[in-house]
Amino acid sequence: MKNSTTNAHKWTNADKLLFRDEVFQIVACAIEVLNTLGHGIVEKPYENALVVEFGLQKIPSRQQPMFDVLYKGQKVGLFVPDLIAFDSIVVDTKVIDRITDHERA
């Protein structure tokens, strides 16, 4: 049986993080939005401000694009993420009252 610590490190190695530089840029934008708007408002203004910040930082993004969900060739639904950045990364804005163990995991 493999050591779980070694296995966990394998998946959290920062050198192997997919889209590492892009993710850091997205997080920086999210922090800027939060620091500017502050806490206590609903999700949509944060999402809209993130679109503005992405534009200011020259990060390509699309707001609420629609994607068909297919199952065995049949359309079974629609997926509408808040944002797609860099044509590859789903960005979903969330508002919570407090950070719990669930968010830390």
C-alpha atoms as a PDB file:
ATOM      1  CA  MET A   1       0.000   0.000   0.000  1.00  0.00           C
ATOM      2  CA  LYS A   2       1.376   3.416  -0.972  1.00  0.00           C
ATOM      3  CA  ASN A   3       2.005   6.099   1.572  1.00  0.00           C
ATOM      4  CA  SER A   4      -0.948   8.527   1.427  1.00  0.00           C
ATOM      5  CA  THR A   5       1.324  11.497   2.154  1.00  0.00           C
ATOM      6  CA  THR A   6       3.465  10.701  -0.880  1.00  0.00           C
ATOM      7  CA  ASN A   7       0.361  10.189  -2.994  1.00  0.00           C
ATOM      8  CA  ALA A   8      -1.164  13.500  -1.827  1.00  0.00           C
ATOM      9  CA  HIS A   9       2.060  15.336  -2.619  1.00  0.00           C
ATOM     10  CA  LYS A  10       2.003  13.862  -6.103  1.00  0.00           C
ATOM     11  CA  TRP A  11      -1.315  15.569  -6.849  1.00  0.00           C
ATOM     12  CA  THR A  12      -0.522  18.894  -5.193  1.00  0.00           C
ATOM     13  CA  ASN A  13       2.945  19.468  -6.645  1.00  0.00           C
ATOM     14  CA  ALA A  14       2.843  23.114  -7.789  1.00  0.00           C
ATOM     15  CA  ASP A  15       5.176  22.352 -10.688  1.00  0.00           C
ATOM     16  CA  LYS A  16       2.547  20.062 -12.183  1.00  0.00           C
ATOM     17  CA  LEU A  17      -0.511  22.293 -11.662  1.00  0.00           C
ATOM     18  CA  LEU A  18      -2.437  22.573 -14.917  1.00  0.00           C
ATOM     19  CA  PHE A  19      -2.555  26.135 -16.270  1.00  0.00           C
ATOM     20  CA  ARG A  20      -0.479  27.270 -13.279  1.00  0.00           C
ATOM     21  CA  ASP A  21       0.300  30.793 -14.524  1.00  0.00           C
ATOM     22  CA  GLU A  22      -3.245  31.344 -15.763  1.00  0.00           C
ATOM     23  CA  VAL A  23      -4.757  30.172 -12.462  1.00  0.00           C
ATOM     24  CA  PHE A  24      -2.488  32.560 -10.539  1.00  0.00           C
ATOM     25  CA  GLN A  25      -3.652  35.430 -12.785  1.00  0.00           C
ATOM     26  CA  ILE A  26      -7.314  34.499 -12.215  1.00  0.00           C
ATOM     27  CA  VAL A  27      -6.850  34.309  -8.442  1.00  0.00           C
ATOM     28  CA  ALA A  28      -5.070  37.692  -8.450  1.00  0.00           C
ATOM     29  CA  CYS A  29      -8.049  39.187 -10.290  1.00  0.00           C
ATOM     30  CA  ALA A  30     -10.497  37.617  -7.838  1.00  0.00           C
ATOM     31  CA  ILE A  31      -8.554  39.031  -4.880  1.00  0.00           C
ATOM     32  CA  GLU A  32      -8.506  42.475  -6.516  1.00  0.00           C
ATOM     33  CA  VAL A  33     -12.295  42.319  -7.028  1.00  0.00           C
ATOM     34  CA  LEU A  34     -12.897  41.224  -3.439  1.00  0.00           C
ATOM     35  CA  ASN A  35     -10.567  43.878  -2.027  1.00  0.00           C
ATOM     36  CA  THR A  36     -12.232  46.568  -4.141  1.00  0.00           C
ATOM     37  CA  LEU A  37     -15.898  45.614  -3.670  1.00  0.00           C
ATOM     38  CA  GLY A  38     -15.556  44.245  -0.155  1.00  0.00           C
ATOM     39  CA  HIS A  39     -17.692  41.568   1.457  1.00  0.00           C
ATOM     40  CA  GLY A  40     -21.422  41.151   1.772  1.00  0.00           C
ATOM     41  CA  ILE A  41     -22.962  41.420  -1.690  1.00  0.00           C
ATOM     42  CA  VAL A  42     -24.543  38.779  -3.908  1.00  0.00           C
ATOM     43  CA  GLU A  43     -22.608  36.769  -6.522  1.00  0.00           C
ATOM     44  CA  LYS A  44     -23.568  38.578  -9.741  1.00  0.00           C
ATOM     45  CA  PRO A  45     -21.728  41.877  -9.048  1.00  0.00           C
ATOM     46  CA  TYR A  46     -18.558  39.888  -8.220  1.00  0.00           C
ATOM     47  CA  GLU A  47     -18.920  37.972 -11.491  1.00  0.00           C
ATOM     48  CA  ASN A  48     -19.448  41.181 -13.473  1.00  0.00           C
ATOM     49  CA  ALA A  49     -16.514  42.898 -11.747  1.00  0.00           C
ATOM     50  CA  LEU A  50     -14.343  39.880 -12.523  1.00  0.00           C
ATOM     51  CA  VAL A  51     -15.193  40.278 -16.212  1.00  0.00           C
ATOM     52  CA  VAL A  52     -14.100  43.920 -15.989  1.00  0.00           C
ATOM     53  CA  GLU A  53     -10.876  42.972 -14.184  1.00  0.00           C
ATOM     54  CA  PHE A  54     -10.137  40.226 -16.707  1.00  0.00           C
ATOM     55  CA  GLY A  55     -10.473  42.833 -19.445  1.00  0.00           C
ATOM     56  CA  LEU A  56      -8.149  45.240 -17.649  1.00  0.00           C
ATOM     57  CA  GLN A  57      -5.583  42.459 -17.245  1.00  0.00           C
ATOM     58  CA  LYS A  58      -6.011  41.320 -20.871  1.00  0.00           C
ATOM     59  CA  ILE A  59      -7.285  37.899 -19.800  1.00  0.00           C
ATOM     60  CA  PRO A  60      -9.533  36.438 -22.499  1.00  0.00           C
ATOM     61  CA  SER A  61     -12.892  35.392 -21.067  1.00  0.00           C
ATOM     62  CA  ARG A  62     -16.500  34.645 -21.916  1.00  0.00           C
ATOM     63  CA  GLN A  63     -19.384  35.256 -19.517  1.00  0.00           C
ATOM     64  CA  GLN A  64     -22.072  32.579 -19.211  1.00  0.00           C
ATOM     65  CA  PRO A  65     -21.395  30.684 -22.443  1.00  0.00           C
ATOM     66  CA  MET A  66     -23.789  27.815 -23.120  1.00  0.00           C
ATOM     67  CA  PHE A  67     -22.628  24.240 -23.670  1.00  0.00           C
ATOM     68  CA  ASP A  68     -24.835  21.291 -24.563  1.00  0.00           C
ATOM     69  CA  VAL A  69     -24.523  18.308 -22.247  1.00  0.00           C
ATOM     70  CA  LEU A  70     -24.617  15.125 -24.278  1.00  0.00           C
ATOM     71  CA  TYR A  71     -25.219  11.581 -23.136  1.00  0.00           C
ATOM     72  CA  LYS A  72     -24.591   8.893 -25.740  1.00  0.00           C
ATOM     73  CA  GLY A  73     -25.122  11.444 -28.469  1.00  0.00           C
ATOM     74  CA  GLN A  74     -28.354  12.828 -27.025  1.00  0.00           C
ATOM     75  CA  LYS A  75     -28.698  16.299 -25.570  1.00  0.00           C
ATOM     76  CA  VAL A  76     -29.701  15.904 -21.928  1.00  0.00           C
ATOM     77  CA  GLY A  77     -29.117  19.391 -20.622  1.00  0.00           C
ATOM     78  CA  LEU A  78     -27.266  22.641 -20.749  1.00  0.00           C
ATOM     79  CA  PHE A  79     -24.137  23.694 -18.866  1.00  0.00           C
ATOM     80  CA  VAL A  80     -23.775  27.446 -18.288  1.00  0.00           C
ATOM     81  CA  PRO A  81     -20.667  28.318 -16.263  1.00  0.00           C
ATOM     82  CA  ASP A  82     -20.262  31.826 -14.869  1.00  0.00           C
ATOM     83  CA  LEU A  83     -17.050  32.431 -16.802  1.00  0.00           C
ATOM     84  CA  ILE A  84     -14.552  30.690 -19.054  1.00  0.00           C
ATOM     85  CA  ALA A  85     -11.062  32.223 -18.872  1.00  0.00           C
ATOM     86  CA  PHE A  86      -8.232  31.555 -21.298  1.00  0.00           C
ATOM     87  CA  ASP A  87     -10.707  29.467 -23.319  1.00  0.00           C
ATOM     88  CA  SER A  88      -9.991  26.577 -20.927  1.00  0.00           C
ATOM     89  CA  ILE A  89     -10.690  27.372 -17.268  1.00  0.00           C
ATOM     90  CA  VAL A  90     -14.161  27.420 -15.703  1.00  0.00           C
ATOM     91  CA  VAL A  91     -14.485  30.225 -13.153  1.00  0.00           C
ATOM     92  CA  ASP A  92     -17.498  30.009 -10.856  1.00  0.00           C
ATOM     93  CA  THR A  93     -18.111  32.881  -8.439  1.00  0.00           C
ATOM     94  CA  LYS A  94     -19.428  31.948  -5.009  1.00  0.00           C
ATOM     95  CA  VAL A  95     -20.500  33.916  -1.961  1.00  0.00           C
ATOM     96  CA  ILE A  96     -20.351  32.288   1.461  1.00  0.00           C
ATOM     97  CA  ASP A  97     -20.977  33.580   4.991  1.00  0.00           C
ATOM     98  CA  ARG A  98     -17.810  32.034   6.402  1.00  0.00           C
ATOM     99  CA  ILE A  99     -15.033  29.624   5.503  1.00  0.00           C
ATOM    100  CA  THR A 100     -15.574  26.156   6.938  1.00  0.00           C
ATOM    101  CA  ASP A 101     -13.614  22.904   6.731  1.00  0.00           C
ATOM    102  CA  HIS A 102     -15.532  22.133   3.529  1.00  0.00           C
ATOM    103  CA  GLU A 103     -13.989  25.128   1.727  1.00  0.00           C
ATOM    104  CA  ARG A 104     -10.530  24.434   3.169  1.00  0.00           C
ATOM    105  CA  ALA A 105     -10.475  20.885   1.742  1.00  0.00           C
END
